[in-house]
């Protein structure tokens, strides 16, 4: 699912750096920045 600039993100849950589940709802009212590396932990 692609999200366009200015569009609201869908609800989701992800593990943080310590393995604790964090949901987008937990961050309501705050700025949120997601950072990931699509090829991280892959060979090549």
PDB file of N, CA and C in Angstrom:
ATOM      1  N   UNK A   1       0.847  -1.166   0.000  1.00  0.00           N
ATOM      2  CA  UNK A   1       0.000   0.000   0.000  1.00  0.00           C
ATOM      3  C   UNK A   1       0.898   1.235   0.000  1.00  0.00           C
ATOM      4  N   UNK A   2       0.708   2.108  -0.954  1.00  0.00           N
ATOM      5  CA  UNK A   2       1.489   3.342  -1.032  1.00  0.00           C
ATOM      6  C   UNK A   2       0.688   4.493  -0.428  1.00  0.00           C
ATOM      7  N   UNK A   3       1.384   5.379   0.252  1.00  0.00           N
ATOM      8  CA  UNK A   3       0.768   6.560   0.839  1.00  0.00           C
ATOM      9  C   UNK A   3       1.383   7.777   0.166  1.00  0.00           C
ATOM     10  N   UNK A   4       0.554   8.659  -0.338  1.00  0.00           N
ATOM     11  CA  UNK A   4       1.038   9.862  -1.015  1.00  0.00           C
ATOM     12  C   UNK A   4       1.291  10.975  -0.010  1.00  0.00           C
ATOM     13  N   UNK A   5       2.127  11.913  -0.391  1.00  0.00           N
ATOM     14  CA  UNK A   5       2.423  13.059   0.461  1.00  0.00           C
ATOM     15  C   UNK A   5       1.133  13.780   0.831  1.00  0.00           C
ATOM     16  N   UNK A   6       0.985  14.099   2.100  1.00  0.00           N
ATOM     17  CA  UNK A   6      -0.191  14.806   2.588  1.00  0.00           C
ATOM     18  C   UNK A   6      -1.343  13.898   2.962  1.00  0.00           C
ATOM     19  N   UNK A   7      -1.259  12.629   2.607  1.00  0.00           N
ATOM     20  CA  UNK A   7      -2.307  11.660   2.919  1.00  0.00           C
ATOM     21  C   UNK A   7      -2.081  11.092   4.319  1.00  0.00           C
ATOM     22  N   UNK A   8      -3.143  10.795   5.022  1.00  0.00           N
ATOM     23  CA  UNK A   8      -3.001  10.187   6.353  1.00  0.00           C
ATOM     24  C   UNK A   8      -2.496   8.758   6.228  1.00  0.00           C
ATOM     25  N   UNK A   9      -1.626   8.397   7.141  1.00  0.00           N
ATOM     26  CA  UNK A   9      -1.098   7.030   7.152  1.00  0.00           C
ATOM     27  C   UNK A   9      -2.155   6.083   7.711  1.00  0.00           C
ATOM     28  N   UNK A  10      -2.177   4.853   7.223  1.00  0.00           N
ATOM     29  CA  UNK A  10      -3.102   3.866   7.800  1.00  0.00           C
ATOM     30  C   UNK A  10      -2.642   3.477   9.201  1.00  0.00           C
ATOM     31  N   UNK A  11      -3.541   2.921   9.979  1.00  0.00           N
ATOM     32  CA  UNK A  11      -3.177   2.453  11.317  1.00  0.00           C
ATOM     33  C   UNK A  11      -2.207   1.287  11.191  1.00  0.00           C
ATOM     34  N   UNK A  12      -1.217   1.238  12.076  1.00  0.00           N
ATOM     35  CA  UNK A  12      -0.258   0.144  12.053  1.00  0.00           C
ATOM     36  C   UNK A  12       0.388  -0.012  13.414  1.00  0.00           C
ATOM     37  N   UNK A  13       1.013  -1.156  13.624  1.00  0.00           N
ATOM     38  CA  UNK A  13       1.818  -1.464  14.802  1.00  0.00           C
ATOM     39  C   UNK A  13       3.181  -1.930  14.309  1.00  0.00           C
ATOM     40  N   UNK A  14       4.232  -1.460  14.956  1.00  0.00           N
ATOM     41  CA  UNK A  14       5.594  -1.847  14.606  1.00  0.00           C
ATOM     42  C   UNK A  14       6.409  -2.005  15.875  1.00  0.00           C
ATOM     43  N   UNK A  15       7.431  -2.863  15.842  1.00  0.00           N
ATOM     44  CA  UNK A  15       8.312  -2.954  17.005  1.00  0.00           C
ATOM     45  C   UNK A  15       9.305  -1.783  17.006  1.00  0.00           C
ATOM     46  N   UNK A  16       9.585  -1.257  18.193  1.00  0.00           N
ATOM     47  CA  UNK A  16      10.606  -0.213  18.294  1.00  0.00           C
ATOM     48  C   UNK A  16      11.981  -0.867  18.413  1.00  0.00           C
ATOM     49  N   UNK A  17      12.995  -0.074  18.674  1.00  0.00           N
ATOM     50  CA  UNK A  17      14.368  -0.593  18.734  1.00  0.00           C
ATOM     51  C   UNK A  17      14.575  -1.600  19.854  1.00  0.00           C
ATOM     52  N   UNK A  18      13.659  -1.627  20.836  1.00  0.00           N
ATOM     53  CA  UNK A  18      13.769  -2.572  21.940  1.00  0.00           C
ATOM     54  C   UNK A  18      12.812  -3.750  21.802  1.00  0.00           C
ATOM     55  N   UNK A  19      12.081  -3.811  20.677  1.00  0.00           N
ATOM     56  CA  UNK A  19      11.146  -4.905  20.442  1.00  0.00           C
ATOM     57  C   UNK A  19       9.756  -4.675  21.006  1.00  0.00           C
ATOM     58  N   UNK A  20       9.503  -3.499  21.609  1.00  0.00           N
ATOM     59  CA  UNK A  20       8.182  -3.187  22.137  1.00  0.00           C
ATOM     60  C   UNK A  20       7.263  -2.711  21.012  1.00  0.00           C
ATOM     61  N   UNK A  21       6.027  -3.182  21.021  1.00  0.00           N
ATOM     62  CA  UNK A  21       5.076  -2.772  19.996  1.00  0.00           C
ATOM     63  C   UNK A  21       4.638  -1.329  20.213  1.00  0.00           C
ATOM     64  N   UNK A  22       4.648  -0.560  19.144  1.00  0.00           N
ATOM     65  CA  UNK A  22       4.226   0.836  19.167  1.00  0.00           C
ATOM     66  C   UNK A  22       3.204   0.995  18.046  1.00  0.00           C
ATOM     67  N   UNK A  23       2.089   1.637  18.340  1.00  0.00           N
ATOM     68  CA  UNK A  23       1.083   1.852  17.308  1.00  0.00           C
ATOM     69  C   UNK A  23       1.046   3.328  16.932  1.00  0.00           C
ATOM     70  N   UNK A  24       0.567   3.579  15.749  1.00  0.00           N
ATOM     71  CA  UNK A  24       0.424   4.964  15.313  1.00  0.00           C
ATOM     72  C   UNK A  24      -0.535   5.704  16.236  1.00  0.00           C
ATOM     73  N   UNK A  25      -1.541   5.011  16.752  1.00  0.00           N
ATOM     74  CA  UNK A  25      -2.479   5.638  17.685  1.00  0.00           C
ATOM     75  C   UNK A  25      -1.780   6.137  18.948  1.00  0.00           C
ATOM     76  N   UNK A  26      -0.700   5.461  19.369  1.00  0.00           N
ATOM     77  CA  UNK A  26       0.065   5.885  20.546  1.00  0.00           C
ATOM     78  C   UNK A  26       0.708   7.253  20.328  1.00  0.00           C
ATOM     79  N   UNK A  27       0.909   7.620  19.080  1.00  0.00           N
ATOM     80  CA  UNK A  27       1.600   8.861  18.733  1.00  0.00           C
ATOM     81  C   UNK A  27       0.656   9.982  18.312  1.00  0.00           C
ATOM     82  N   UNK A  28      -0.622   9.760  18.453  1.00  0.00           N
ATOM     83  CA  UNK A  28      -1.608  10.758  18.018  1.00  0.00           C
ATOM     84  C   UNK A  28      -1.326  12.116  18.646  1.00  0.00           C
ATOM     85  N   UNK A  29      -1.339  13.152  17.802  1.00  0.00           N
ATOM     86  CA  UNK A  29      -1.090  14.513  18.267  1.00  0.00           C
ATOM     87  C   UNK A  29       0.379  14.905  18.244  1.00  0.00           C
ATOM     88  N   UNK A  30       1.260  13.985  17.858  1.00  0.00           N
ATOM     89  CA  UNK A  30       2.696  14.263  17.794  1.00  0.00           C
ATOM     90  C   UNK A  30       3.180  14.107  16.351  1.00  0.00           C
ATOM     91  N   UNK A  31       4.296  14.715  16.049  1.00  0.00           N
ATOM     92  CA  UNK A  31       4.943  14.478  14.758  1.00  0.00           C
ATOM     93  C   UNK A  31       5.580  13.106  14.809  1.00  0.00           C
ATOM     94  N   UNK A  32       5.474  12.361  13.726  1.00  0.00           N
ATOM     95  CA  UNK A  32       6.045  11.019  13.657  1.00  0.00           C
ATOM     96  C   UNK A  32       6.919  10.924  12.409  1.00  0.00           C
ATOM     97  N   UNK A  33       8.130  10.411  12.582  1.00  0.00           N
ATOM     98  CA  UNK A  33       9.025  10.173  11.455  1.00  0.00           C
ATOM     99  C   UNK A  33       9.370   8.690  11.457  1.00  0.00           C
ATOM    100  N   UNK A  34       9.130   8.024  10.338  1.00  0.00           N
ATOM    101  CA  UNK A  34       9.511   6.621  10.181  1.00  0.00           C
ATOM    102  C   UNK A  34      10.752   6.561   9.323  1.00  0.00           C
ATOM    103  N   UNK A  35      11.700   5.777   9.751  1.00  0.00           N
ATOM    104  CA  UNK A  35      12.952   5.649   9.015  1.00  0.00           C
ATOM    105  C   UNK A  35      13.247   4.157   8.879  1.00  0.00           C
ATOM    106  N   UNK A  36      13.473   3.725   7.666  1.00  0.00           N
ATOM    107  CA  UNK A  36      13.793   2.332   7.449  1.00  0.00           C
ATOM    108  C   UNK A  36      14.677   2.190   6.224  1.00  0.00           C
ATOM    109  N   UNK A  37      15.326   1.069   6.167  1.00  0.00           N
ATOM    110  CA  UNK A  37      16.184   0.730   5.037  1.00  0.00           C
ATOM    111  C   UNK A  37      15.567  -0.482   4.348  1.00  0.00           C
ATOM    112  N   UNK A  38      14.995  -0.307   3.170  1.00  0.00           N
ATOM    113  CA  UNK A  38      14.333  -1.430   2.488  1.00  0.00           C
ATOM    114  C   UNK A  38      15.238  -2.651   2.284  1.00  0.00           C
ATOM    115  N   UNK A  39      16.512  -2.434   2.085  1.00  0.00           N
ATOM    116  CA  UNK A  39      17.419  -3.550   1.825  1.00  0.00           C
ATOM    117  C   UNK A  39      18.197  -3.992   3.063  1.00  0.00           C
ATOM    118  N   UNK A  40      17.864  -3.475   4.215  1.00  0.00           N
ATOM    119  CA  UNK A  40      18.594  -3.847   5.442  1.00  0.00           C
ATOM    120  C   UNK A  40      18.431  -5.339   5.729  1.00  0.00           C
ATOM    121  N   UNK A  41      19.476  -5.936   6.187  1.00  0.00           N
ATOM    122  CA  UNK A  41      19.492  -7.368   6.561  1.00  0.00           C
ATOM    123  C   UNK A  41      19.216  -8.282   5.382  1.00  0.00           C
ATOM    124  N   UNK A  42      19.530  -7.853   4.179  1.00  0.00           N
ATOM    125  CA  UNK A  42      19.379  -8.703   3.008  1.00  0.00           C
ATOM    126  C   UNK A  42      20.740  -8.886   2.359  1.00  0.00           C
ATOM    127  N   UNK A  43      20.966 -10.021   1.717  1.00  0.00           N
ATOM    128  CA  UNK A  43      22.255 -10.242   1.062  1.00  0.00           C
ATOM    129  C   UNK A  43      22.417  -9.338  -0.148  1.00  0.00           C
ATOM    130  N   UNK A  44      23.645  -8.990  -0.448  1.00  0.00           N
ATOM    131  CA  UNK A  44      23.915  -8.222  -1.663  1.00  0.00           C
ATOM    132  C   UNK A  44      24.199  -6.834  -1.386  1.00  0.00           C
TER     133      UNK A  44
END
